[in-house]
Amino acid sequence: TYGISPSQLTRLKRNEGVSTNTIGRFCEILDCSVSDI
């Protein structure tokens, strides 16, 4: 639905680095702040 790539989810599961753009996208989708995620 939101076009998040499976590779980004894998990086997040492994606590690897992701771009601030990716973090911002999650904040938009989830209507939350960075500190929530």
Full PDB file with SEQRES, HELIX, SHEET, SSBOND, CRYST1, ORIGX, SCALE, CONECT and MASTER records, all heavy atoms in Angstrom:
SEQRES   1 A   37  THR TYR GLY ILE SER PRO SER GLN LEU THR ARG LEU LYS          
SEQRES   2 A   37  ARG ASN GLU GLY VAL SER THR ASN THR ILE GLY ARG PHE          
SEQRES   3 A   37  CYS GLU ILE LEU ASP CYS SER VAL SER ASP ILE                  
HELIX    1 AA1 PRO A    6  LYS A   13  1                                   8    
HELIX    2 AA2 THR A   20  LEU A   30  1                                  11    
HELIX    3 AA3 VAL A   34  ASP A   36  5                                   3    
CRYST1    1.000    1.000    1.000  90.00  90.00  90.00 P 1           1          
ORIGX1      1.000000  0.000000  0.000000        0.00000                         
ORIGX2      0.000000  1.000000  0.000000        0.00000                         
ORIGX3      0.000000  0.000000  1.000000        0.00000                         
SCALE1      1.000000  0.000000  0.000000        0.00000                         
SCALE2      0.000000  1.000000  0.000000        0.00000                         
SCALE3      0.000000  0.000000  1.000000        0.00000                         
ATOM      1  N   THR A   1       0.818  -1.213   0.000  1.00  0.00           N  
ATOM      2  CA  THR A   1       0.000   0.000   0.000  1.00  0.00           C  
ATOM      3  C   THR A   1       0.852   1.264   0.000  1.00  0.00           C  
ATOM      4  O   THR A   1       0.557   2.216  -0.708  1.00  0.00           O  
ATOM      5  CB  THR A   1      -0.949   0.017   1.222  1.00  0.00           C  
ATOM      6  OG1 THR A   1      -1.753  -1.159   1.185  1.00  0.00           O  
ATOM      7  CG2 THR A   1      -1.828   1.256   1.228  1.00  0.00           C  
ATOM      8  N   TYR A   2       1.923   1.248   0.802  1.00  0.00           N  
ATOM      9  CA  TYR A   2       2.724   2.461   0.985  1.00  0.00           C  
ATOM     10  C   TYR A   2       4.033   2.458   0.192  1.00  0.00           C  
ATOM     11  O   TYR A   2       4.769   3.439   0.224  1.00  0.00           O  
ATOM     12  CB  TYR A   2       3.019   2.677   2.469  1.00  0.00           C  
ATOM     13  CG  TYR A   2       1.766   2.899   3.279  1.00  0.00           C  
ATOM     14  CD1 TYR A   2       1.270   1.909   4.116  1.00  0.00           C  
ATOM     15  CD2 TYR A   2       1.059   4.097   3.189  1.00  0.00           C  
ATOM     16  CE1 TYR A   2       0.119   2.105   4.864  1.00  0.00           C  
ATOM     17  CE2 TYR A   2      -0.088   4.301   3.935  1.00  0.00           C  
ATOM     18  CZ  TYR A   2      -0.554   3.310   4.764  1.00  0.00           C  
ATOM     19  OH  TYR A   2      -1.698   3.508   5.497  1.00  0.00           O  
ATOM     20  N   GLY A   3       4.345   1.356  -0.485  1.00  0.00           N  
ATOM     21  CA  GLY A   3       5.535   1.321  -1.335  1.00  0.00           C  
ATOM     22  C   GLY A   3       6.861   1.236  -0.608  1.00  0.00           C  
ATOM     23  O   GLY A   3       7.895   1.593  -1.165  1.00  0.00           O  
ATOM     24  N   ILE A   4       6.838   0.768   0.627  1.00  0.00           N  
ATOM     25  CA  ILE A   4       8.093   0.567   1.370  1.00  0.00           C  
ATOM     26  C   ILE A   4       8.759  -0.686   0.812  1.00  0.00           C  
ATOM     27  O   ILE A   4       8.118  -1.716   0.638  1.00  0.00           O  
ATOM     28  CB  ILE A   4       7.824   0.400   2.884  1.00  0.00           C  
ATOM     29  CG1 ILE A   4       7.120   1.638   3.451  1.00  0.00           C  
ATOM     30  CG2 ILE A   4       9.109   0.090   3.639  1.00  0.00           C  
ATOM     31  CD1 ILE A   4       7.911   2.909   3.433  1.00  0.00           C  
ATOM     32  N   SER A   5      10.051  -0.611   0.542  1.00  0.00           N  
ATOM     33  CA  SER A   5      10.720  -1.772  -0.047  1.00  0.00           C  
ATOM     34  C   SER A   5      11.020  -2.821   1.024  1.00  0.00           C  
ATOM     35  O   SER A   5      11.337  -2.485   2.173  1.00  0.00           O  
ATOM     36  CB  SER A   5      12.013  -1.360  -0.751  1.00  0.00           C  
ATOM     37  OG  SER A   5      13.012  -1.056   0.187  1.00  0.00           O  
ATOM     38  N   PRO A   6      10.933  -4.083   0.651  1.00  0.00           N  
ATOM     39  CA  PRO A   6      11.254  -5.162   1.596  1.00  0.00           C  
ATOM     40  C   PRO A   6      12.681  -5.043   2.142  1.00  0.00           C  
ATOM     41  O   PRO A   6      12.927  -5.358   3.298  1.00  0.00           O  
ATOM     42  CB  PRO A   6      11.086  -6.436   0.774  1.00  0.00           C  
ATOM     43  CG  PRO A   6      10.130  -6.058  -0.308  1.00  0.00           C  
ATOM     44  CD  PRO A   6      10.423  -4.614  -0.615  1.00  0.00           C  
ATOM     45  N   SER A   7      13.598  -4.534   1.316  1.00  0.00           N  
ATOM     46  CA  SER A   7      14.981  -4.395   1.785  1.00  0.00           C  
ATOM     47  C   SER A   7      15.094  -3.359   2.901  1.00  0.00           C  
ATOM     48  O   SER A   7      15.899  -3.516   3.823  1.00  0.00           O  
ATOM     49  CB  SER A   7      15.921  -4.047   0.629  1.00  0.00           C  
ATOM     50  OG  SER A   7      15.586  -2.793   0.071  1.00  0.00           O  
ATOM     51  N   GLN A   8      14.273  -2.309   2.850  1.00  0.00           N  
ATOM     52  CA  GLN A   8      14.287  -1.316   3.933  1.00  0.00           C  
ATOM     53  C   GLN A   8      13.764  -1.931   5.224  1.00  0.00           C  
ATOM     54  O   GLN A   8      14.307  -1.675   6.301  1.00  0.00           O  
ATOM     55  CB  GLN A   8      13.455  -0.085   3.553  1.00  0.00           C  
ATOM     56  CG  GLN A   8      14.091   0.791   2.517  1.00  0.00           C  
ATOM     57  CD  GLN A   8      15.427   1.350   2.965  1.00  0.00           C  
ATOM     58  OE1 GLN A   8      15.627   1.723   4.114  1.00  0.00           O  
ATOM     59  NE2 GLN A   8      16.356   1.421   2.039  1.00  0.00           N  
ATOM     60  N   LEU A   9      12.736  -2.744   5.121  1.00  0.00           N  
ATOM     61  CA  LEU A   9      12.206  -3.417   6.310  1.00  0.00           C  
ATOM     62  C   LEU A   9      13.252  -4.355   6.906  1.00  0.00           C  
ATOM     63  O   LEU A   9      13.402  -4.427   8.125  1.00  0.00           O  
ATOM     64  CB  LEU A   9      10.926  -4.172   5.983  1.00  0.00           C  
ATOM     65  CG  LEU A   9       9.709  -3.300   5.693  1.00  0.00           C  
ATOM     66  CD1 LEU A   9       8.550  -4.151   5.224  1.00  0.00           C  
ATOM     67  CD2 LEU A   9       9.328  -2.483   6.904  1.00  0.00           C  
ATOM     68  N   THR A  10      13.978  -5.050   6.056  1.00  0.00           N  
ATOM     69  CA  THR A  10      15.041  -5.948   6.527  1.00  0.00           C  
ATOM     70  C   THR A  10      16.117  -5.156   7.256  1.00  0.00           C  
ATOM     71  O   THR A  10      16.577  -5.555   8.327  1.00  0.00           O  
ATOM     72  CB  THR A  10      15.650  -6.735   5.351  1.00  0.00           C  
ATOM     73  OG1 THR A  10      14.619  -7.529   4.760  1.00  0.00           O  
ATOM     74  CG2 THR A  10      16.787  -7.624   5.810  1.00  0.00           C  
ATOM     75  N   ARG A  11      16.520  -4.027   6.702  1.00  0.00           N  
ATOM     76  CA  ARG A  11      17.542  -3.179   7.351  1.00  0.00           C  
ATOM     77  C   ARG A  11      17.049  -2.703   8.719  1.00  0.00           C  
ATOM     78  O   ARG A  11      17.813  -2.678   9.685  1.00  0.00           O  
ATOM     79  CB  ARG A  11      17.897  -1.999   6.456  1.00  0.00           C  
ATOM     80  CG  ARG A  11      18.618  -2.412   5.174  1.00  0.00           C  
ATOM     81  CD  ARG A  11      19.040  -1.221   4.340  1.00  0.00           C  
ATOM     82  NE  ARG A  11      20.041  -0.403   5.009  1.00  0.00           N  
ATOM     83  CZ  ARG A  11      21.337  -0.707   5.112  1.00  0.00           C  
ATOM     84  NH1 ARG A  11      21.781  -1.817   4.575  1.00  0.00           N  
ATOM     85  NH2 ARG A  11      22.170   0.101   5.738  1.00  0.00           N  
ATOM     86  N   LEU A  12      15.784  -2.337   8.807  1.00  0.00           N  
ATOM     87  CA  LEU A  12      15.224  -1.882  10.077  1.00  0.00           C  
ATOM     88  C   LEU A  12      15.162  -3.016  11.093  1.00  0.00           C  
ATOM     89  O   LEU A  12      15.465  -2.817  12.273  1.00  0.00           O  
ATOM     90  CB  LEU A  12      13.836  -1.278   9.856  1.00  0.00           C  
ATOM     91  CG  LEU A  12      13.837   0.066   9.114  1.00  0.00           C  
ATOM     92  CD1 LEU A  12      12.470   0.359   8.536  1.00  0.00           C  
ATOM     93  CD2 LEU A  12      14.308   1.180  10.019  1.00  0.00           C  
ATOM     94  N   LYS A  13      14.808  -4.205  10.649  1.00  0.00           N  
ATOM     95  CA  LYS A  13      14.768  -5.362  11.555  1.00  0.00           C  
ATOM     96  C   LYS A  13      16.143  -5.657  12.127  1.00  0.00           C  
ATOM     97  O   LYS A  13      16.259  -6.098  13.273  1.00  0.00           O  
ATOM     98  CB  LYS A  13      14.279  -6.609  10.810  1.00  0.00           C  
ATOM     99  CG  LYS A  13      12.811  -6.632  10.533  1.00  0.00           C  
ATOM    100  CD  LYS A  13      12.455  -7.906   9.786  1.00  0.00           C  
ATOM    101  CE  LYS A  13      11.104  -7.816   9.154  1.00  0.00           C  
ATOM    102  NZ  LYS A  13      10.817  -8.971   8.302  1.00  0.00           N  
ATOM    103  N   ARG A  14      17.169  -5.425  11.336  1.00  0.00           N  
ATOM    104  CA  ARG A  14      18.552  -5.701  11.754  1.00  0.00           C  
ATOM    105  C   ARG A  14      19.198  -4.504  12.448  1.00  0.00           C  
ATOM    106  O   ARG A  14      20.386  -4.532  12.761  1.00  0.00           O  
ATOM    107  CB  ARG A  14      19.382  -6.086  10.533  1.00  0.00           C  
ATOM    108  CG  ARG A  14      18.935  -7.380   9.899  1.00  0.00           C  
ATOM    109  CD  ARG A  14      19.752  -7.670   8.677  1.00  0.00           C  
ATOM    110  NE  ARG A  14      19.309  -8.905   8.035  1.00  0.00           N  
ATOM    111  CZ  ARG A  14      19.688  -9.299   6.830  1.00  0.00           C  
ATOM    112  NH1 ARG A  14      20.520  -8.550   6.111  1.00  0.00           N  
ATOM    113  NH2 ARG A  14      19.246 -10.434   6.339  1.00  0.00           N  
ATOM    114  N   ASN A  15      18.432  -3.443  12.654  1.00  0.00           N  
ATOM    115  CA  ASN A  15      18.938  -2.202  13.258  1.00  0.00           C  
ATOM    116  C   ASN A  15      20.122  -1.647  12.480  1.00  0.00           C  
ATOM    117  O   ASN A  15      21.075  -1.120  13.058  1.00  0.00           O  
ATOM    118  CB  ASN A  15      19.290  -2.397  14.740  1.00  0.00           C  
ATOM    119  CG  ASN A  15      18.066  -2.633  15.578  1.00  0.00           C  
ATOM    120  OD1 ASN A  15      17.033  -2.004  15.381  1.00  0.00           O  
ATOM    121  ND2 ASN A  15      18.156  -3.561  16.509  1.00  0.00           N  
ATOM    122  N   GLU A  16      20.046  -1.742  11.154  1.00  0.00           N  
ATOM    123  CA  GLU A  16      21.068  -1.192  10.282  1.00  0.00           C  
ATOM    124  C   GLU A  16      20.664   0.225   9.884  1.00  0.00           C  
ATOM    125  O   GLU A  16      19.516   0.639  10.088  1.00  0.00           O  
ATOM    126  CB  GLU A  16      21.229  -2.069   9.040  1.00  0.00           C  
ATOM    127  CG  GLU A  16      21.758  -3.456   9.360  1.00  0.00           C  
ATOM    128  CD  GLU A  16      21.824  -4.364   8.149  1.00  0.00           C  
ATOM    129  OE1 GLU A  16      21.274  -4.019   7.080  1.00  0.00           O  
ATOM    130  OE2 GLU A  16      22.417  -5.452   8.281  1.00  0.00           O  
ATOM    131  N   GLY A  17      21.590   0.948   9.307  1.00  0.00           N  
ATOM    132  CA  GLY A  17      21.329   2.323   8.926  1.00  0.00           C  
ATOM    133  C   GLY A  17      20.320   2.453   7.797  1.00  0.00           C  
ATOM    134  O   GLY A  17      20.318   1.656   6.861  1.00  0.00           O  
ATOM    135  N   VAL A  18      19.457   3.436   7.913  1.00  0.00           N  
ATOM    136  CA  VAL A  18      18.515   3.793   6.854  1.00  0.00           C  
ATOM    137  C   VAL A  18      18.546   5.313   6.708  1.00  0.00           C  
ATOM    138  O   VAL A  18      18.999   6.025   7.598  1.00  0.00           O  
ATOM    139  CB  VAL A  18      17.068   3.315   7.146  1.00  0.00           C  
ATOM    140  CG1 VAL A  18      16.986   1.811   7.165  1.00  0.00           C  
ATOM    141  CG2 VAL A  18      16.544   3.890   8.437  1.00  0.00           C  
ATOM    142  N   SER A  19      18.056   5.802   5.597  1.00  0.00           N  
ATOM    143  CA  SER A  19      18.087   7.238   5.346  1.00  0.00           C  
ATOM    144  C   SER A  19      17.055   7.980   6.198  1.00  0.00           C  
ATOM    145  O   SER A  19      16.064   7.392   6.643  1.00  0.00           O  
ATOM    146  CB  SER A  19      17.820   7.522   3.868  1.00  0.00           C  
ATOM    147  OG  SER A  19      16.473   7.264   3.552  1.00  0.00           O  
ATOM    148  N   THR A  20      17.308   9.261   6.369  1.00  0.00           N  
ATOM    149  CA  THR A  20      16.330  10.081   7.088  1.00  0.00           C  
ATOM    150  C   THR A  20      15.044  10.180   6.281  1.00  0.00           C  
ATOM    151  O   THR A  20      13.967  10.343   6.857  1.00  0.00           O  
ATOM    152  CB  THR A  20      16.875  11.487   7.389  1.00  0.00           C  
ATOM    153  OG1 THR A  20      17.346  12.076   6.170  1.00  0.00           O  
ATOM    154  CG2 THR A  20      18.007  11.426   8.400  1.00  0.00           C  
ATOM    155  N   ASN A  21      15.137  10.054   4.969  1.00  0.00           N  
ATOM    156  CA  ASN A  21      13.945  10.035   4.132  1.00  0.00           C  
ATOM    157  C   ASN A  21      13.050   8.854   4.503  1.00  0.00           C  
ATOM    158  O   ASN A  21      11.826   8.986   4.595  1.00  0.00           O  
ATOM    159  CB  ASN A  21      14.343   9.966   2.653  1.00  0.00           C  
ATOM    160  CG  ASN A  21      13.150  10.066   1.736  1.00  0.00           C  
ATOM    161  OD1 ASN A  21      12.341  10.968   1.870  1.00  0.00           O  
ATOM    162  ND2 ASN A  21      13.051   9.135   0.816  1.00  0.00           N  
ATOM    163  N   THR A  22      13.657   7.693   4.725  1.00  0.00           N  
ATOM    164  CA  THR A  22      12.902   6.498   5.118  1.00  0.00           C  
ATOM    165  C   THR A  22      12.234   6.712   6.474  1.00  0.00           C  
ATOM    166  O   THR A  22      11.061   6.398   6.650  1.00  0.00           O  
ATOM    167  CB  THR A  22      13.816   5.259   5.162  1.00  0.00           C  
ATOM    168  OG1 THR A  22      14.339   5.034   3.851  1.00  0.00           O  
ATOM    169  CG2 THR A  22      13.076   4.028   5.635  1.00  0.00           C  
ATOM    170  N   ILE A  23      12.973   7.270   7.414  1.00  0.00           N  
ATOM    171  CA  ILE A  23      12.409   7.541   8.741  1.00  0.00           C  
ATOM    172  C   ILE A  23      11.247   8.525   8.626  1.00  0.00           C  
ATOM    173  O   ILE A  23      10.188   8.332   9.229  1.00  0.00           O  
ATOM    174  CB  ILE A  23      13.490   8.086   9.705  1.00  0.00           C  
ATOM    175  CG1 ILE A  23      14.610   7.061   9.901  1.00  0.00           C  
ATOM    176  CG2 ILE A  23      12.885   8.500  11.042  1.00  0.00           C  
ATOM    177  CD1 ILE A  23      14.159   5.734  10.466  1.00  0.00           C  
ATOM    178  N   GLY A  24      11.435   9.552   7.831  1.00  0.00           N  
ATOM    179  CA  GLY A  24      10.372  10.535   7.622  1.00  0.00           C  
ATOM    180  C   GLY A  24       9.128   9.916   7.015  1.00  0.00           C  
ATOM    181  O   GLY A  24       8.000  10.251   7.394  1.00  0.00           O  
ATOM    182  N   ARG A  25       9.331   9.017   6.094  1.00  0.00           N  
ATOM    183  CA  ARG A  25       8.197   8.318   5.447  1.00  0.00           C  
ATOM    184  C   ARG A  25       7.403   7.514   6.461  1.00  0.00           C  
ATOM    185  O   ARG A  25       6.177   7.539   6.467  1.00  0.00           O  
ATOM    186  CB  ARG A  25       8.740   7.421   4.343  1.00  0.00           C  
ATOM    187  CG  ARG A  25       7.714   6.718   3.553  1.00  0.00           C  
ATOM    188  CD  ARG A  25       7.370   7.480   2.279  1.00  0.00           C  
ATOM    189  NE  ARG A  25       6.614   6.606   1.386  1.00  0.00           N  
ATOM    190  CZ  ARG A  25       5.288   6.561   1.370  1.00  0.00           C  
ATOM    191  NH1 ARG A  25       4.602   7.346   2.167  1.00  0.00           N  
ATOM    192  NH2 ARG A  25       4.651   5.751   0.565  1.00  0.00           N  
ATOM    193  N   PHE A  26       8.117   6.816   7.349  1.00  0.00           N  
ATOM    194  CA  PHE A  26       7.429   6.051   8.390  1.00  0.00           C  
ATOM    195  C   PHE A  26       6.663   6.971   9.330  1.00  0.00           C  
ATOM    196  O   PHE A  26       5.552   6.647   9.744  1.00  0.00           O  
ATOM    197  CB  PHE A  26       8.416   5.179   9.174  1.00  0.00           C  
ATOM    198  CG  PHE A  26       8.673   3.853   8.526  1.00  0.00           C  
ATOM    199  CD1 PHE A  26       9.781   3.659   7.724  1.00  0.00           C  
ATOM    200  CD2 PHE A  26       7.799   2.793   8.704  1.00  0.00           C  
ATOM    201  CE1 PHE A  26      10.015   2.443   7.110  1.00  0.00           C  
ATOM    202  CE2 PHE A  26       8.017   1.564   8.097  1.00  0.00           C  
ATOM    203  CZ  PHE A  26       9.135   1.393   7.295  1.00  0.00           C  
ATOM    204  N   CYS A  27       7.241   8.112   9.657  1.00  0.00           N  
ATOM    205  CA  CYS A  27       6.544   9.070  10.530  1.00  0.00           C  
ATOM    206  C   CYS A  27       5.253   9.563   9.864  1.00  0.00           C  
ATOM    207  O   CYS A  27       4.229   9.719  10.536  1.00  0.00           O  
ATOM    208  CB  CYS A  27       7.455  10.237  10.875  1.00  0.00           C  
ATOM    209  SG  CYS A  27       8.791   9.798  12.000  1.00  0.00           S  
ATOM    210  N   GLU A  28       5.298   9.791   8.547  1.00  0.00           N  
ATOM    211  CA  GLU A  28       4.093  10.208   7.822  1.00  0.00           C  
ATOM    212  C   GLU A  28       3.048   9.095   7.828  1.00  0.00           C  
ATOM    213  O   GLU A  28       1.877   9.343   8.111  1.00  0.00           O  
ATOM    214  CB  GLU A  28       4.438  10.544   6.369  1.00  0.00           C  
ATOM    215  CG  GLU A  28       5.196  11.823   6.195  1.00  0.00           C  
ATOM    216  CD  GLU A  28       5.580  12.068   4.739  1.00  0.00           C  
ATOM    217  OE1 GLU A  28       4.950  11.478   3.830  1.00  0.00           O  
ATOM    218  OE2 GLU A  28       6.513  12.840   4.511  1.00  0.00           O  
ATOM    219  N   ILE A  29       3.471   7.886   7.501  1.00  0.00           N  
ATOM    220  CA  ILE A  29       2.544   6.751   7.430  1.00  0.00           C  
ATOM    221  C   ILE A  29       1.889   6.487   8.775  1.00  0.00           C  
ATOM    222  O   ILE A  29       0.687   6.268   8.865  1.00  0.00           O  
ATOM    223  CB  ILE A  29       3.282   5.488   6.939  1.00  0.00           C  
ATOM    224  CG1 ILE A  29       3.714   5.642   5.478  1.00  0.00           C  
ATOM    225  CG2 ILE A  29       2.420   4.237   7.117  1.00  0.00           C  
ATOM    226  CD1 ILE A  29       4.721   4.606   5.008  1.00  0.00           C  
ATOM    227  N   LEU A  30       2.699   6.521   9.839  1.00  0.00           N  
ATOM    228  CA  LEU A  30       2.222   6.148  11.165  1.00  0.00           C  
ATOM    229  C   LEU A  30       1.713   7.335  11.984  1.00  0.00           C  
ATOM    230  O   LEU A  30       1.237   7.150  13.099  1.00  0.00           O  
ATOM    231  CB  LEU A  30       3.337   5.432  11.929  1.00  0.00           C  
ATOM    232  CG  LEU A  30       3.842   4.150  11.269  1.00  0.00           C  
ATOM    233  CD1 LEU A  30       5.073   3.634  11.988  1.00  0.00           C  
ATOM    234  CD2 LEU A  30       2.752   3.097  11.244  1.00  0.00           C  
ATOM    235  N   ASP A  31       1.846   8.545  11.437  1.00  0.00           N  
ATOM    236  CA  ASP A  31       1.449   9.763  12.143  1.00  0.00           C  
ATOM    237  C   ASP A  31       2.072   9.786  13.541  1.00  0.00           C  
ATOM    238  O   ASP A  31       1.369   9.841  14.560  1.00  0.00           O  
ATOM    239  CB  ASP A  31      -0.076   9.861  12.221  1.00  0.00           C  
ATOM    240  CG  ASP A  31      -0.535  11.211  12.735  1.00  0.00           C  
ATOM    241  OD1 ASP A  31       0.185  12.212  12.524  1.00  0.00           O  
ATOM    242  OD2 ASP A  31      -1.601  11.267  13.377  1.00  0.00           O  
ATOM    243  N   CYS A  32       3.399   9.709  13.559  1.00  0.00           N  
ATOM    244  CA  CYS A  32       4.124   9.675  14.828  1.00  0.00           C  
ATOM    245  C   CYS A  32       5.401  10.501  14.705  1.00  0.00           C  
ATOM    246  O   CYS A  32       5.713  11.020  13.636  1.00  0.00           O  
ATOM    247  CB  CYS A  32       4.449   8.232  15.219  1.00  0.00           C  
ATOM    248  SG  CYS A  32       5.621   7.419  14.121  1.00  0.00           S  
ATOM    249  N   SER A  33       6.142  10.611  15.783  1.00  0.00           N  
ATOM    250  CA  SER A  33       7.409  11.339  15.755  1.00  0.00           C  
ATOM    251  C   SER A  33       8.566  10.347  15.655  1.00  0.00           C  
ATOM    252  O   SER A  33       8.407   9.145  15.896  1.00  0.00           O  
ATOM    253  CB  SER A  33       7.554  12.206  17.002  1.00  0.00           C  
ATOM    254  OG  SER A  33       7.708  11.394  18.138  1.00  0.00           O  
ATOM    255  N   VAL A  34       9.731  10.877  15.330  1.00  0.00           N  
ATOM    256  CA  VAL A  34      10.930  10.058  15.182  1.00  0.00           C  
ATOM    257  C   VAL A  34      11.217   9.281  16.464  1.00  0.00           C  
ATOM    258  O   VAL A  34      11.548   8.088  16.424  1.00  0.00           O  
ATOM    259  CB  VAL A  34      12.140  10.940  14.800  1.00  0.00           C  
ATOM    260  CG1 VAL A  34      13.435  10.152  14.818  1.00  0.00           C  
ATOM    261  CG2 VAL A  34      11.929  11.574  13.443  1.00  0.00           C  
ATOM    262  N   SER A  35      11.056   9.918  17.598  1.00  0.00           N  
ATOM    263  CA  SER A  35      11.354   9.258  18.880  1.00  0.00           C  
ATOM    264  C   SER A  35      10.408   8.099  19.180  1.00  0.00           C  
ATOM    265  O   SER A  35      10.720   7.254  20.015  1.00  0.00           O  
ATOM    266  CB  SER A  35      11.333  10.265  20.026  1.00  0.00           C  
ATOM    267  OG  SER A  35      10.055  10.844  20.152  1.00  0.00           O  
ATOM    268  N   ASP A  36       9.272   8.041  18.488  1.00  0.00           N  
ATOM    269  CA  ASP A  36       8.349   6.918  18.673  1.00  0.00           C  
ATOM    270  C   ASP A  36       8.852   5.650  17.994  1.00  0.00           C  
ATOM    271  O   ASP A  36       8.492   4.553  18.407  1.00  0.00           O  
ATOM    272  CB  ASP A  36       6.963   7.246  18.105  1.00  0.00           C  
ATOM    273  CG  ASP A  36       6.256   8.339  18.879  1.00  0.00           C  
ATOM    274  OD1 ASP A  36       6.497   8.461  20.091  1.00  0.00           O  
ATOM    275  OD2 ASP A  36       5.459   9.073  18.254  1.00  0.00           O  
ATOM    276  N   ILE A  37       9.674   5.811  16.959  1.00  0.00           N  
ATOM    277  CA  ILE A  37      10.073   4.632  16.184  1.00  0.00           C  
ATOM    278  C   ILE A  37      11.549   4.282  16.268  1.00  0.00           C  
ATOM    279  O   ILE A  37      11.941   3.178  15.907  1.00  0.00           O  
ATOM    280  CB  ILE A  37       9.661   4.772  14.701  1.00  0.00           C  
ATOM    281  CG1 ILE A  37      10.309   5.977  14.035  1.00  0.00           C  
ATOM    282  CG2 ILE A  37       8.151   4.827  14.573  1.00  0.00           C  
ATOM    283  CD1 ILE A  37      10.046   6.082  12.547  1.00  0.00           C  
TER     284      ILE A  37                                                      
MASTER        0    0    0    3    0    0    0    6  283    1    0    3          
END                                                                             
